[in-house]
Amino acid sequence: MENNMIPEQFMMNKLAEAKVHFERALDCKHTEFDDLYPYMVEHPQFFWYKRYVAWSELLTVVKLCRELDIDWTTAFSAQQAEYITKRVMSSKVLDYWYETNDSREHVG
């Protein structure tokens, strides 16, 4: 596929949006998902599912960047890029996405 069909800046914007969405889900903050399924807040599994949806979105955008030969890694720390490359959202990803729990940079 030729890269000139989709502007690189468009994909980088989508990547940034997906990252923010995942980080908001990780921090248990409001996302579009809450608006789609407001009744889910009452269920304990909601936050896990919300994170899974956001993680899947992030992986999908990264996959598209790879297919378009767009360097997606510049938007993430080396550790975050490694988590994404492994593709599995483990407890390690949830606990250490921000590198250390002492230096969390929460999304707004």
N, C-alpha and C. Protein backbone atom coordinates (compact mmCIF):
# COMPACT_ATOMS: atom_id res chain seq x y z
N MET A 1 0.84 -1.17 0.00
CA MET A 1 0.00 0.00 0.00
C MET A 1 0.89 1.24 0.00
N GLU A 2 0.53 2.22 -0.75
CA GLU A 2 1.32 3.43 -0.81
C GLU A 2 0.98 4.35 0.35
N ASN A 3 2.02 4.89 0.96
CA ASN A 3 1.86 5.74 2.13
C ASN A 3 1.18 7.07 1.80
N ASN A 4 1.24 7.51 0.56
CA ASN A 4 0.69 8.82 0.23
C ASN A 4 -0.84 8.85 0.18
N MET A 5 -1.48 7.70 0.38
CA MET A 5 -2.94 7.65 0.37
C MET A 5 -3.52 8.23 1.66
N ILE A 6 -2.82 8.07 2.77
CA ILE A 6 -3.25 8.60 4.07
C ILE A 6 -2.10 9.45 4.61
N PRO A 7 -2.36 10.72 4.88
CA PRO A 7 -1.29 11.59 5.39
C PRO A 7 -0.74 11.07 6.72
N GLU A 8 0.57 11.13 6.86
CA GLU A 8 1.21 10.67 8.08
C GLU A 8 0.70 11.42 9.30
N GLN A 9 0.48 12.71 9.17
CA GLN A 9 0.01 13.51 10.32
C GLN A 9 -1.37 13.05 10.78
N PHE A 10 -2.21 12.63 9.85
CA PHE A 10 -3.52 12.10 10.20
C PHE A 10 -3.37 10.87 11.09
N MET A 11 -2.49 9.97 10.69
CA MET A 11 -2.28 8.75 11.46
C MET A 11 -1.65 9.05 12.82
N MET A 12 -0.74 10.00 12.86
CA MET A 12 -0.12 10.37 14.14
C MET A 12 -1.16 10.99 15.07
N ASN A 13 -2.10 11.75 14.52
CA ASN A 13 -3.19 12.30 15.34
C ASN A 13 -4.07 11.18 15.88
N LYS A 14 -4.39 10.19 15.04
CA LYS A 14 -5.20 9.05 15.48
C LYS A 14 -4.47 8.24 16.54
N LEU A 15 -3.16 8.12 16.38
CA LEU A 15 -2.34 7.42 17.36
C LEU A 15 -2.37 8.15 18.70
N ALA A 16 -2.24 9.46 18.67
CA ALA A 16 -2.28 10.27 19.90
C ALA A 16 -3.65 10.13 20.57
N GLU A 17 -4.71 10.14 19.79
CA GLU A 17 -6.06 9.98 20.33
C GLU A 17 -6.22 8.61 20.99
N ALA A 18 -5.72 7.58 20.34
CA ALA A 18 -5.83 6.22 20.89
C ALA A 18 -5.01 6.09 22.18
N LYS A 19 -3.85 6.74 22.22
CA LYS A 19 -3.02 6.70 23.42
C LYS A 19 -3.74 7.39 24.58
N VAL A 20 -4.30 8.56 24.31
CA VAL A 20 -5.04 9.28 25.36
C VAL A 20 -6.24 8.46 25.83
N HIS A 21 -6.94 7.85 24.88
CA HIS A 21 -8.10 7.02 25.24
C HIS A 21 -7.67 5.88 26.16
N PHE A 22 -6.58 5.20 25.82
CA PHE A 22 -6.09 4.11 26.67
C PHE A 22 -5.68 4.63 28.04
N GLU A 23 -4.96 5.74 28.07
CA GLU A 23 -4.49 6.27 29.35
C GLU A 23 -5.65 6.75 30.23
N ARG A 24 -6.68 7.31 29.61
CA ARG A 24 -7.87 7.71 30.38
C ARG A 24 -8.57 6.47 30.94
N ALA A 25 -8.65 5.42 30.16
CA ALA A 25 -9.25 4.17 30.64
C ALA A 25 -8.40 3.57 31.76
N LEU A 26 -7.09 3.62 31.58
CA LEU A 26 -6.16 3.11 32.59
C LEU A 26 -6.33 3.85 33.91
N ASP A 27 -6.54 5.15 33.84
CA ASP A 27 -6.70 5.99 35.03
C ASP A 27 -8.15 6.04 35.53
N CYS A 28 -9.02 5.23 34.93
CA CYS A 28 -10.44 5.18 35.31
C CYS A 28 -11.13 6.54 35.14
N LYS A 29 -10.74 7.27 34.12
CA LYS A 29 -11.37 8.55 33.81
C LYS A 29 -12.42 8.36 32.72
N HIS A 30 -13.22 9.37 32.55
CA HIS A 30 -14.31 9.31 31.57
C HIS A 30 -13.76 9.19 30.15
N THR A 31 -14.38 8.31 29.36
CA THR A 31 -14.05 8.17 27.93
C THR A 31 -15.36 8.09 27.15
N GLU A 32 -15.25 8.06 25.85
CA GLU A 32 -16.44 7.91 25.00
C GLU A 32 -17.17 6.61 25.30
N PHE A 33 -16.43 5.61 25.73
CA PHE A 33 -17.01 4.32 26.07
C PHE A 33 -18.07 4.46 27.16
N ASP A 34 -17.82 5.35 28.12
CA ASP A 34 -18.79 5.59 29.20
C ASP A 34 -20.11 6.11 28.65
N ASP A 35 -20.02 6.94 27.63
CA ASP A 35 -21.23 7.50 27.02
C ASP A 35 -22.01 6.43 26.26
N LEU A 36 -21.30 5.48 25.68
CA LEU A 36 -21.96 4.41 24.92
C LEU A 36 -22.65 3.39 25.82
N TYR A 37 -22.03 3.14 26.97
CA TYR A 37 -22.53 2.10 27.88
C TYR A 37 -22.63 2.62 29.32
N PRO A 38 -23.45 3.63 29.56
CA PRO A 38 -23.50 4.24 30.91
C PRO A 38 -23.92 3.25 32.00
N TYR A 39 -24.71 2.26 31.66
CA TYR A 39 -25.17 1.28 32.64
C TYR A 39 -24.05 0.36 33.12
N MET A 40 -22.96 0.27 32.36
CA MET A 40 -21.87 -0.63 32.70
C MET A 40 -21.10 -0.19 33.95
N VAL A 41 -21.16 1.10 34.29
CA VAL A 41 -20.41 1.60 35.44
C VAL A 41 -20.79 0.84 36.71
N GLU A 42 -21.99 0.32 36.74
CA GLU A 42 -22.48 -0.40 37.92
C GLU A 42 -21.87 -1.81 38.05
N HIS A 43 -21.20 -2.29 37.03
CA HIS A 43 -20.69 -3.67 37.03
C HIS A 43 -19.18 -3.69 37.28
N PRO A 44 -18.71 -4.57 38.15
CA PRO A 44 -17.29 -4.62 38.51
C PRO A 44 -16.35 -4.86 37.32
N GLN A 45 -16.79 -5.60 36.34
CA GLN A 45 -15.92 -5.91 35.20
C GLN A 45 -15.81 -4.76 34.21
N PHE A 46 -16.57 -3.70 34.45
CA PHE A 46 -16.60 -2.58 33.51
C PHE A 46 -15.22 -2.00 33.23
N PHE A 47 -14.44 -1.71 34.27
CA PHE A 47 -13.16 -1.04 34.05
C PHE A 47 -12.17 -1.94 33.30
N TRP A 48 -12.23 -3.24 33.54
CA TRP A 48 -11.39 -4.15 32.78
C TRP A 48 -11.78 -4.14 31.31
N TYR A 49 -13.08 -4.21 31.05
CA TYR A 49 -13.56 -4.22 29.67
C TYR A 49 -13.25 -2.90 28.97
N LYS A 50 -13.43 -1.80 29.68
CA LYS A 50 -13.14 -0.47 29.14
C LYS A 50 -11.66 -0.37 28.74
N ARG A 51 -10.79 -0.89 29.58
CA ARG A 51 -9.35 -0.89 29.26
C ARG A 51 -9.05 -1.79 28.07
N TYR A 52 -9.69 -2.92 28.01
CA TYR A 52 -9.49 -3.84 26.89
C TYR A 52 -9.89 -3.19 25.58
N VAL A 53 -11.01 -2.49 25.57
CA VAL A 53 -11.48 -1.81 24.35
C VAL A 53 -10.46 -0.74 23.93
N ALA A 54 -10.00 0.05 24.87
CA ALA A 54 -9.03 1.10 24.56
C ALA A 54 -7.70 0.51 24.08
N TRP A 55 -7.26 -0.59 24.70
CA TRP A 55 -6.02 -1.27 24.29
C TRP A 55 -6.16 -1.80 22.87
N SER A 56 -7.30 -2.39 22.58
CA SER A 56 -7.54 -2.91 21.23
C SER A 56 -7.50 -1.79 20.19
N GLU A 57 -8.08 -0.67 20.54
CA GLU A 57 -8.05 0.49 19.63
C GLU A 57 -6.62 0.93 19.38
N LEU A 58 -5.83 1.02 20.44
CA LEU A 58 -4.43 1.43 20.32
C LEU A 58 -3.65 0.46 19.43
N LEU A 59 -3.85 -0.84 19.65
CA LEU A 59 -3.15 -1.84 18.82
C LEU A 59 -3.58 -1.76 17.36
N THR A 60 -4.84 -1.46 17.11
CA THR A 60 -5.33 -1.34 15.73
C THR A 60 -4.68 -0.16 15.02
N VAL A 61 -4.59 0.97 15.70
CA VAL A 61 -3.97 2.15 15.08
C VAL A 61 -2.48 1.89 14.85
N VAL A 62 -1.82 1.25 15.79
CA VAL A 62 -0.39 0.90 15.62
C VAL A 62 -0.22 -0.03 14.42
N LYS A 63 -1.11 -1.00 14.29
CA LYS A 63 -1.04 -1.93 13.15
C LYS A 63 -1.16 -1.16 11.83
N LEU A 64 -2.08 -0.22 11.77
CA LEU A 64 -2.23 0.59 10.55
C LEU A 64 -0.98 1.42 10.29
N CYS A 65 -0.39 1.99 11.33
CA CYS A 65 0.85 2.75 11.16
C CYS A 65 1.95 1.87 10.60
N ARG A 66 2.06 0.66 11.12
CA ARG A 66 3.08 -0.28 10.60
C ARG A 66 2.85 -0.57 9.12
N GLU A 67 1.60 -0.83 8.77
CA GLU A 67 1.29 -1.15 7.38
C GLU A 67 1.56 0.02 6.44
N LEU A 68 1.48 1.24 6.97
CA LEU A 68 1.75 2.44 6.18
C LEU A 68 3.20 2.91 6.32
N ASP A 69 4.02 2.11 7.01
CA ASP A 69 5.43 2.46 7.25
C ASP A 69 5.59 3.80 7.95
N ILE A 70 4.74 4.03 8.94
CA ILE A 70 4.82 5.24 9.76
C ILE A 70 5.41 4.84 11.11
N ASP A 71 6.44 5.58 11.54
CA ASP A 71 7.10 5.27 12.80
C ASP A 71 6.22 5.70 13.96
N TRP A 72 5.52 4.76 14.54
CA TRP A 72 4.61 5.02 15.65
C TRP A 72 5.33 5.09 16.99
N THR A 73 6.54 4.56 17.05
CA THR A 73 7.25 4.43 18.33
C THR A 73 7.62 5.78 18.94
N THR A 74 7.72 6.82 18.14
CA THR A 74 8.12 8.12 18.67
C THR A 74 7.08 8.72 19.62
N ALA A 75 5.87 8.21 19.59
CA ALA A 75 4.81 8.72 20.46
C ALA A 75 4.80 8.05 21.83
N PHE A 76 5.72 7.11 22.05
CA PHE A 76 5.73 6.33 23.28
C PHE A 76 7.12 6.24 23.87
N SER A 77 7.19 5.94 25.16
CA SER A 77 8.49 5.64 25.77
C SER A 77 8.94 4.28 25.22
N ALA A 78 10.20 3.96 25.42
CA ALA A 78 10.71 2.67 24.95
C ALA A 78 9.96 1.52 25.61
N GLN A 79 9.67 1.65 26.90
CA GLN A 79 8.96 0.59 27.62
C GLN A 79 7.53 0.44 27.09
N GLN A 80 6.84 1.54 26.85
CA GLN A 80 5.48 1.48 26.30
C GLN A 80 5.48 0.85 24.92
N ALA A 81 6.45 1.21 24.09
CA ALA A 81 6.55 0.62 22.75
C ALA A 81 6.77 -0.89 22.84
N GLU A 82 7.54 -1.31 23.82
CA GLU A 82 7.76 -2.75 24.01
C GLU A 82 6.46 -3.46 24.41
N TYR A 83 5.70 -2.84 25.31
CA TYR A 83 4.40 -3.42 25.70
C TYR A 83 3.50 -3.57 24.47
N ILE A 84 3.46 -2.52 23.66
CA ILE A 84 2.60 -2.55 22.48
C ILE A 84 3.06 -3.61 21.50
N THR A 85 4.36 -3.73 21.31
CA THR A 85 4.92 -4.74 20.41
C THR A 85 4.54 -6.15 20.87
N LYS A 86 4.53 -6.37 22.18
CA LYS A 86 4.15 -7.68 22.71
C LYS A 86 2.65 -7.93 22.59
N ARG A 87 1.86 -6.86 22.47
CA ARG A 87 0.43 -6.90 22.21
C ARG A 87 -0.44 -7.38 23.36
N VAL A 88 0.09 -7.96 24.38
CA VAL A 88 -0.71 -8.52 25.47
C VAL A 88 -0.84 -7.49 26.58
N MET A 89 -2.07 -7.15 26.93
CA MET A 89 -2.30 -6.21 28.02
C MET A 89 -2.27 -7.00 29.33
N SER A 90 -1.11 -7.05 29.92
CA SER A 90 -0.91 -7.79 31.16
C SER A 90 -1.02 -6.85 32.35
N SER A 91 -0.95 -7.42 33.54
CA SER A 91 -0.96 -6.57 34.74
C SER A 91 0.27 -5.67 34.76
N LYS A 92 1.36 -6.12 34.15
CA LYS A 92 2.58 -5.30 34.08
C LYS A 92 2.30 -4.03 33.27
N VAL A 93 1.58 -4.15 32.18
CA VAL A 93 1.23 -2.98 31.38
C VAL A 93 0.37 -2.03 32.21
N LEU A 94 -0.61 -2.58 32.90
CA LEU A 94 -1.51 -1.75 33.71
C LEU A 94 -0.76 -1.07 34.86
N ASP A 95 0.18 -1.77 35.47
CA ASP A 95 0.89 -1.23 36.63
C ASP A 95 2.03 -0.29 36.26
N TYR A 96 2.67 -0.53 35.11
CA TYR A 96 3.90 0.21 34.79
C TYR A 96 3.85 0.98 33.47
N TRP A 97 2.67 1.25 32.97
CA TRP A 97 2.55 2.02 31.72
C TRP A 97 3.28 3.35 31.85
N TYR A 98 3.19 3.97 33.01
CA TYR A 98 3.82 5.28 33.24
C TYR A 98 5.25 5.14 33.75
N GLU A 99 5.90 4.02 33.51
CA GLU A 99 7.27 3.71 33.90
C GLU A 99 7.36 3.34 35.37
N THR A 100 7.01 4.25 36.26
CA THR A 100 6.96 3.93 37.69
C THR A 100 5.70 4.55 38.26
N ASN A 101 5.21 3.96 39.30
CA ASN A 101 4.01 4.50 39.92
C ASN A 101 4.28 5.84 40.59
N ASP A 102 5.53 6.16 40.86
CA ASP A 102 5.89 7.43 41.51
C ASP A 102 5.84 8.61 40.54
N SER A 103 6.01 8.34 39.24
CA SER A 103 6.12 9.45 38.29
C SER A 103 4.99 9.42 37.26
N ARG A 104 3.82 9.04 37.68
CA ARG A 104 2.70 8.97 36.73
C ARG A 104 2.40 10.34 36.14
N GLU A 105 2.26 10.35 34.84
CA GLU A 105 1.84 11.55 34.15
C GLU A 105 0.43 11.31 33.67
N HIS A 106 -0.53 11.60 34.51
CA HIS A 106 -1.92 11.31 34.19
C HIS A 106 -2.42 12.20 33.06
N VAL A 107 -3.28 11.62 32.25
CA VAL A 107 -3.86 12.39 31.17
C VAL A 107 -4.95 13.27 31.73
N GLY A 108 -5.19 14.37 31.02
CA GLY A 108 -6.20 15.33 31.49
C GLY A 108 -7.58 15.02 31.04
